[in-house]
Amino acid sequence: MRRSTNLRRNILFVFTLMCLAGQGYAQTLSRKDADEIRVLAREKVKGLNDLLNAIANEDLSNYERRYLMMNSYMPSNDQIFVNDGVIVEDDTDPKNKVSAPGLDTPIEKYLSNFDLFYTKTEINTIEFTNIVVGDVKVDKYPFVKVFYTQHFKGKSNRDNTPFTSISRVAELRADKSGNDWVVFLTRIAFNSAENAKAVPVTPKPSEKYDSLQRKKEPIAAQPTDKKPVATPEETRQTERVSQQISQVNQAQIAQARKWGAIKLGAGVAALAFGAVTYSMLNKDYKDYKNRIENSEGFTSYAKPGVYISIGAAAVGIGLSVSSIFDFKTAKGR
């Protein structure tokens, strides 16, 4: 009897833990969280569309395209892929329309292939339509599938062959960072019954950083039998890219400071003009009022000058406030 009682207690205890765990799990991913993740997932897929159009823009330099590509999978404000370990089924060849062996390509190589083989134009030639965001599911982490139709309206440099519209599926993972959700692409493939299955993928980065940390702080390298050593060419290339990025940043800072100074000067001048004009009008009105018994109101007497002085003051305030943002931009860089 005692053994039976203990067994019932153990079953009840386990059942209670399961209920509590289920409640905690439900609280972890509420309907609001799921809706937020779906919205962010749609925006990331649109971000991929924008990225491909930018790479295919003939007005960008090779450096600018390379900069955009690197920022898409490395910690940055423009990051859309979780890391550089993301795998994409290569569609840069018009002959590739469905999943097949040998099409899995690391994101860095995929973007390089796209840059190399897709024709450059002045206008956008890539469009994603019929975007459908699936339900958010949870395995090791929340993830979601996004289905869309991809239109490459340009041609391939391989043999000038036009592309046809294809159906694609993107997988994205979501992680909580403070009170906000962070969503990144983890895989892109041709849409098929196999790829549409809810099986999450966890790309392994080659770089030692954690894309999911809000502050993007580097992770300490793990000890290995043999530490990788950069080749002299890789080192020189890294230095060149760093110098170019530094030059771009310095130019942007100088430009922001320049415009900030111009706007601030113009704003102060406009404020001064408005104040002086208003003061003169007010002085003339007092003199007029002392002389005329049934004098009219100030606004009626002083127009249109009063409107000009008020408008100048408003412009001055607007330019001064705008200059503050320019100076903040320069400082933030």
Protein backbone atom coordinates (compact mmCIF):
# COMPACT_ATOMS: atom_id res chain seq x y z
CA MET A 1 0.00 0.00 0.00
CA ARG A 2 2.83 2.40 0.90
CA ARG A 3 4.62 1.59 -2.37
CA SER A 4 1.44 2.31 -4.34
CA THR A 5 0.98 5.61 -2.51
CA ASN A 6 4.55 6.64 -3.26
CA LEU A 7 4.08 5.74 -6.93
CA ARG A 8 0.96 7.90 -7.17
CA ARG A 9 2.82 10.78 -5.50
CA ASN A 10 5.70 10.47 -7.96
CA ILE A 11 3.31 10.44 -10.92
CA LEU A 12 1.49 13.48 -9.56
CA PHE A 13 4.82 15.27 -8.99
CA VAL A 14 6.01 14.59 -12.54
CA PHE A 15 2.64 15.66 -13.96
CA THR A 16 2.81 18.91 -11.98
CA LEU A 17 6.32 19.64 -13.29
CA MET A 18 5.15 19.01 -16.84
CA CYS A 19 2.23 21.40 -16.39
CA LEU A 20 4.50 24.08 -14.94
CA ALA A 21 7.00 23.59 -17.74
CA GLY A 22 4.19 23.85 -20.27
CA GLN A 23 2.98 27.08 -18.72
CA GLY A 24 6.49 28.55 -18.68
CA TYR A 25 6.97 27.48 -22.31
CA ALA A 26 3.73 29.11 -23.36
CA GLN A 27 4.79 32.32 -21.66
CA THR A 28 8.14 32.20 -23.42
CA LEU A 29 6.52 32.34 -26.89
CA SER A 30 3.19 34.14 -26.68
CA ARG A 31 0.97 34.99 -29.62
CA LYS A 32 2.37 38.51 -29.54
CA ASP A 33 5.94 37.15 -29.72
CA ALA A 34 5.05 34.87 -32.61
CA ASP A 35 3.42 37.74 -34.52
CA GLU A 36 6.45 39.96 -33.93
CA ILE A 37 8.79 37.23 -35.19
CA ARG A 38 6.70 36.77 -38.34
CA VAL A 39 6.77 40.50 -39.08
CA LEU A 40 10.55 40.65 -38.59
CA ALA A 41 11.02 37.57 -40.77
CA ARG A 42 9.12 39.19 -43.63
CA GLU A 43 11.28 42.32 -43.30
CA LYS A 44 14.49 40.26 -43.43
CA VAL A 45 13.38 38.58 -46.66
CA LYS A 46 12.62 42.02 -48.11
CA GLY A 47 16.08 43.02 -46.92
CA LEU A 48 17.53 40.15 -48.98
CA ASN A 49 15.64 41.48 -52.01
CA ASP A 50 17.15 44.94 -51.43
CA LEU A 51 20.64 43.48 -50.96
CA LEU A 52 20.55 41.62 -54.30
CA ASN A 53 19.30 44.73 -56.11
CA ALA A 54 22.12 46.76 -54.56
CA ILE A 55 24.76 44.22 -55.66
CA ALA A 56 23.32 44.27 -59.19
CA ASN A 57 23.44 48.08 -59.38
CA GLU A 58 26.05 49.20 -61.89
CA ASP A 59 26.54 52.56 -60.13
CA LEU A 60 28.21 50.90 -57.13
CA SER A 61 31.94 50.29 -57.08
CA ASN A 62 33.43 46.85 -56.48
CA TYR A 63 34.43 47.96 -53.00
CA GLU A 64 30.91 49.16 -52.16
CA ARG A 65 29.39 45.89 -53.34
CA ARG A 66 31.92 43.91 -51.34
CA TYR A 67 31.21 46.04 -48.29
CA LEU A 68 27.46 45.37 -48.57
CA MET A 69 28.02 41.64 -48.98
CA MET A 70 30.25 41.40 -45.92
CA ASN A 71 27.87 43.44 -43.80
CA SER A 72 25.01 41.08 -44.66
CA TYR A 73 26.53 38.16 -42.73
CA MET A 74 28.83 39.89 -40.24
CA PRO A 75 27.72 41.86 -37.15
CA SER A 76 26.47 45.21 -38.47
CA ASN A 77 23.33 47.32 -38.76
CA ASP A 78 22.73 45.77 -42.18
CA GLN A 79 23.11 42.13 -41.10
CA ILE A 80 20.43 39.78 -42.43
CA PHE A 81 22.19 36.36 -42.23
CA VAL A 82 22.93 34.78 -38.87
CA ASN A 83 26.61 34.26 -39.76
CA ASP A 84 28.93 33.37 -42.64
CA GLY A 85 28.07 29.67 -42.25
CA VAL A 86 24.64 30.11 -43.87
CA ILE A 87 24.07 27.78 -46.83
CA VAL A 88 22.17 28.84 -49.97
CA GLU A 89 21.06 26.65 -52.86
CA ASP A 90 22.75 28.47 -55.74
CA ASP A 91 20.35 29.97 -58.27
CA THR A 92 22.85 32.24 -60.06
CA ASP A 93 22.78 29.83 -63.03
CA PRO A 94 19.43 30.04 -64.92
CA LYS A 95 19.57 26.28 -65.38
CA ASN A 96 19.20 25.78 -61.61
CA LYS A 97 15.45 25.82 -60.94
CA VAL A 98 14.94 23.04 -58.39
CA SER A 99 16.90 21.41 -55.59
CA ALA A 100 19.73 19.18 -56.77
CA PRO A 101 22.98 17.78 -55.36
CA GLY A 102 25.92 20.14 -55.45
CA LEU A 103 23.95 23.39 -55.22
CA ASP A 104 24.58 24.05 -51.52
CA THR A 105 26.84 27.10 -51.37
CA PRO A 106 28.21 29.12 -48.40
CA ILE A 107 26.68 32.58 -48.29
CA GLU A 108 29.95 34.39 -49.02
CA LYS A 109 30.52 32.36 -52.19
CA TYR A 110 26.86 32.63 -53.20
CA LEU A 111 26.92 36.43 -53.04
CA SER A 112 30.24 36.49 -54.90
CA ASN A 113 28.75 34.25 -57.62
CA PHE A 114 25.74 36.53 -57.87
CA ASP A 115 28.00 39.58 -58.16
CA LEU A 116 30.08 37.88 -60.84
CA PHE A 117 27.42 36.27 -63.02
CA TYR A 118 24.34 38.51 -62.74
CA THR A 119 24.23 41.44 -65.18
CA LYS A 120 24.51 44.93 -63.71
CA THR A 121 21.91 47.59 -64.52
CA GLU A 122 20.88 51.09 -63.42
CA ILE A 123 17.40 49.97 -62.32
CA ASN A 124 16.21 47.24 -59.96
CA THR A 125 15.71 43.94 -61.76
CA ILE A 126 15.06 41.61 -58.81
CA GLU A 127 11.68 41.27 -57.18
CA PHE A 128 10.22 38.96 -54.54
CA THR A 129 6.46 38.43 -54.75
CA ASN A 130 3.85 36.14 -53.15
CA ILE A 131 5.65 36.34 -49.80
CA VAL A 132 3.99 33.96 -47.35
CA VAL A 133 5.24 33.70 -43.76
CA GLY A 134 4.59 30.36 -42.07
CA ASP A 135 3.77 29.69 -38.43
CA VAL A 136 6.52 30.17 -35.88
CA LYS A 137 7.71 26.83 -34.52
CA VAL A 138 10.10 26.04 -31.72
CA ASP A 139 12.79 23.39 -31.62
CA LYS A 140 16.07 24.46 -30.05
CA TYR A 141 14.95 28.02 -30.74
CA PRO A 142 11.97 29.72 -32.43
CA PHE A 143 12.17 29.57 -36.22
CA VAL A 144 9.94 30.28 -39.19
CA LYS A 145 9.79 29.50 -42.90
CA VAL A 146 9.08 32.22 -45.47
CA PHE A 147 7.95 31.22 -48.97
CA TYR A 148 8.23 33.57 -51.94
CA THR A 149 8.49 33.78 -55.71
CA GLN A 150 11.79 35.14 -56.99
CA HIS A 151 11.97 37.12 -60.24
CA PHE A 152 15.43 37.71 -61.75
CA LYS A 153 14.55 40.03 -64.64
CA GLY A 154 18.16 40.44 -65.72
CA LYS A 155 20.37 37.95 -67.54
CA SER A 156 23.30 35.72 -66.69
CA ASN A 157 26.81 36.62 -67.80
CA ARG A 158 27.52 32.93 -68.36
CA ASP A 159 25.69 32.75 -71.68
CA ASN A 160 23.27 35.70 -71.64
CA THR A 161 20.45 33.31 -70.74
CA PRO A 162 17.35 34.92 -69.21
CA PHE A 163 16.13 33.72 -65.82
CA THR A 164 12.67 32.37 -65.10
CA SER A 165 10.62 32.93 -61.96
CA ILE A 166 11.30 30.32 -59.28
CA SER A 167 9.80 29.45 -55.91
CA ARG A 168 12.13 29.83 -52.94
CA VAL A 169 11.93 29.19 -49.21
CA ALA A 170 13.95 30.99 -46.54
CA GLU A 171 14.39 29.78 -42.99
CA LEU A 172 14.97 32.24 -40.16
CA ARG A 173 15.73 31.82 -36.48
CA ALA A 174 14.63 34.16 -33.70
CA ASP A 175 16.37 34.93 -30.42
CA LYS A 176 15.40 37.23 -27.60
CA SER A 177 17.77 40.12 -26.91
CA GLY A 178 16.52 41.97 -23.85
CA ASN A 179 12.91 42.88 -24.59
CA ASP A 180 13.34 42.63 -28.35
CA TRP A 181 13.42 39.77 -30.82
CA VAL A 182 16.34 39.41 -33.23
CA VAL A 183 15.67 37.47 -36.44
CA PHE A 184 18.27 36.29 -38.98
CA LEU A 185 18.26 34.13 -42.10
CA THR A 186 19.76 30.66 -41.59
CA ARG A 187 19.12 29.03 -44.98
CA ILE A 188 17.72 29.75 -48.46
CA ALA A 189 16.65 26.98 -50.82
CA PHE A 190 14.38 26.06 -53.69
CA ASN A 191 10.86 25.45 -52.45
CA SER A 192 10.13 21.74 -52.29
CA ALA A 193 8.28 19.33 -50.03
CA GLU A 194 11.59 18.39 -48.43
CA ASN A 195 12.79 21.95 -47.85
CA ALA A 196 9.39 23.07 -46.62
CA LYS A 197 9.56 20.64 -43.69
CA ALA A 198 9.90 22.30 -40.31
CA VAL A 199 13.45 21.16 -39.56
CA PRO A 200 15.62 23.98 -38.20
CA VAL A 201 19.18 24.47 -39.41
CA THR A 202 21.98 25.88 -37.25
CA PRO A 203 24.79 27.27 -39.46
CA LYS A 204 28.29 27.00 -38.06
CA PRO A 205 30.25 30.25 -38.47
CA SER A 206 33.86 30.21 -39.54
CA GLU A 207 34.56 33.46 -37.66
CA LYS A 208 34.80 33.67 -33.88
CA TYR A 209 31.87 35.94 -33.14
CA ASP A 210 28.31 35.53 -31.94
CA SER A 211 25.83 37.20 -34.28
CA LEU A 212 23.08 36.89 -31.72
CA GLN A 213 24.72 39.01 -29.03
CA ARG A 214 23.13 42.44 -29.00
CA LYS A 215 26.45 44.18 -28.42
CA LYS A 216 28.22 41.99 -30.99
CA GLU A 217 31.03 41.23 -28.59
CA PRO A 218 33.66 38.75 -29.81
CA ILE A 219 33.73 35.28 -28.31
CA ALA A 220 37.02 34.04 -26.91
CA ALA A 221 38.64 31.63 -29.33
CA GLN A 222 38.47 27.98 -28.29
CA PRO A 223 41.81 26.11 -27.98
CA THR A 224 42.59 23.94 -30.97
CA ASP A 225 45.42 21.65 -31.97
CA LYS A 226 46.49 24.05 -34.66
CA LYS A 227 45.62 27.71 -34.75
CA PRO A 228 44.74 29.11 -38.20
CA VAL A 229 47.28 31.53 -39.59
CA ALA A 230 46.31 34.18 -42.10
CA THR A 231 48.31 34.27 -45.31
CA PRO A 232 50.22 37.45 -46.23
CA GLU A 233 47.72 38.14 -49.03
CA GLU A 234 44.75 37.78 -46.65
CA THR A 235 46.46 40.12 -44.19
CA ARG A 236 47.10 42.73 -46.91
CA GLN A 237 43.52 42.42 -48.16
CA THR A 238 42.16 42.89 -44.64
CA GLU A 239 44.35 45.97 -44.17
CA ARG A 240 43.17 47.42 -47.49
CA VAL A 241 39.50 46.88 -46.63
CA SER A 242 40.05 48.41 -43.17
CA GLN A 243 41.76 51.44 -44.69
CA GLN A 244 38.98 51.88 -47.24
CA ILE A 245 36.30 51.61 -44.56
CA SER A 246 38.19 54.13 -42.44
CA GLN A 247 38.45 56.54 -45.38
CA VAL A 248 34.72 56.24 -46.09
CA ASN A 249 33.86 56.80 -42.42
CA GLN A 250 36.15 59.82 -42.17
CA ALA A 251 34.63 61.31 -45.31
CA GLN A 252 31.13 60.78 -43.93
CA ILE A 253 32.13 62.38 -40.63
CA ALA A 254 33.62 65.40 -42.40
CA GLN A 255 30.52 65.73 -44.56
CA ALA A 256 28.20 65.54 -41.54
CA ARG A 257 30.26 68.16 -39.70
CA LYS A 258 30.31 70.41 -42.74
CA TRP A 259 26.54 70.33 -43.18
CA GLY A 260 26.04 70.70 -39.45
CA ALA A 261 28.14 73.86 -39.43
CA ILE A 262 26.38 75.26 -42.51
CA LYS A 263 22.91 74.56 -41.09
CA LEU A 264 23.85 75.94 -37.68
CA GLY A 265 25.21 79.15 -39.22
CA ALA A 266 22.16 79.59 -41.42
CA GLY A 267 19.87 78.83 -38.50
CA VAL A 268 21.52 81.41 -36.25
CA ALA A 269 21.39 83.99 -39.06
CA ALA A 270 17.70 83.29 -39.69
CA LEU A 271 16.90 83.56 -35.98
CA ALA A 272 18.82 86.82 -35.73
CA PHE A 273 17.07 88.24 -38.80
CA GLY A 274 13.66 87.24 -37.41
CA ALA A 275 14.41 88.76 -34.01
CA VAL A 276 15.75 92.04 -35.43
CA THR A 277 12.85 92.38 -37.86
CA TYR A 278 10.28 91.72 -35.15
CA SER A 279 11.98 94.21 -32.81
CA MET A 280 11.97 96.94 -35.46
CA LEU A 281 8.32 96.31 -36.32
CA ASN A 282 7.35 96.36 -32.66
CA LYS A 283 9.20 99.68 -32.13
CA ASP A 284 7.51 101.26 -35.18
CA TYR A 285 4.11 100.03 -34.01
CA LYS A 286 4.52 101.59 -30.54
CA ASP A 287 5.42 104.90 -32.14
CA TYR A 288 2.41 104.60 -34.49
CA LYS A 289 0.07 103.70 -31.62
CA ASN A 290 1.15 106.74 -29.58
CA ARG A 291 0.31 109.04 -32.48
CA ILE A 292 -2.94 107.50 -33.74
CA GLU A 293 -5.99 107.43 -31.43
CA ASN A 294 -7.90 104.55 -33.03
CA SER A 295 -4.89 102.53 -34.08
CA GLU A 296 -5.18 99.08 -35.67
CA GLY A 297 -3.75 95.89 -34.14
CA PHE A 298 -0.09 94.97 -34.32
CA THR A 299 -0.57 92.04 -36.68
CA SER A 300 -2.63 94.11 -39.09
CA TYR A 301 -0.22 97.06 -38.91
CA ALA A 302 2.97 95.02 -39.23
CA LYS A 303 1.99 92.52 -41.94
CA PRO A 304 3.53 91.15 -44.03
CA GLY A 305 6.73 91.92 -42.13
CA VAL A 306 5.57 90.16 -38.98
CA TYR A 307 4.93 86.98 -40.95
CA ILE A 308 8.36 87.21 -42.50
CA SER A 309 10.02 87.61 -39.09
CA ILE A 310 8.05 84.66 -37.63
CA GLY A 311 8.84 82.53 -40.69
CA ALA A 312 12.53 83.37 -40.46
CA ALA A 313 12.56 82.39 -36.79
CA ALA A 314 10.84 79.09 -37.57
CA VAL A 315 13.34 78.34 -40.34
CA GLY A 316 16.18 79.22 -37.99
CA ILE A 317 14.90 76.84 -35.31
CA GLY A 318 14.44 74.06 -37.87
CA LEU A 319 17.95 74.45 -39.27
CA SER A 320 19.48 74.60 -35.79
CA VAL A 321 17.71 71.40 -34.73
CA SER A 322 18.72 69.68 -37.96
CA SER A 323 22.35 70.67 -37.38
CA ILE A 324 22.26 68.93 -34.00
CA PHE A 325 21.42 65.63 -35.73
CA ASP A 326 24.29 66.14 -38.17
CA PHE A 327 26.74 66.73 -35.32
CA LYS A 328 25.38 63.65 -33.50
CA THR A 329 25.85 61.60 -36.66
CA ALA A 330 29.45 62.79 -36.94
CA LYS A 331 30.08 62.01 -33.29
CA GLY A 332 28.40 58.60 -33.47
CA ARG A 333 30.60 57.45 -36.30
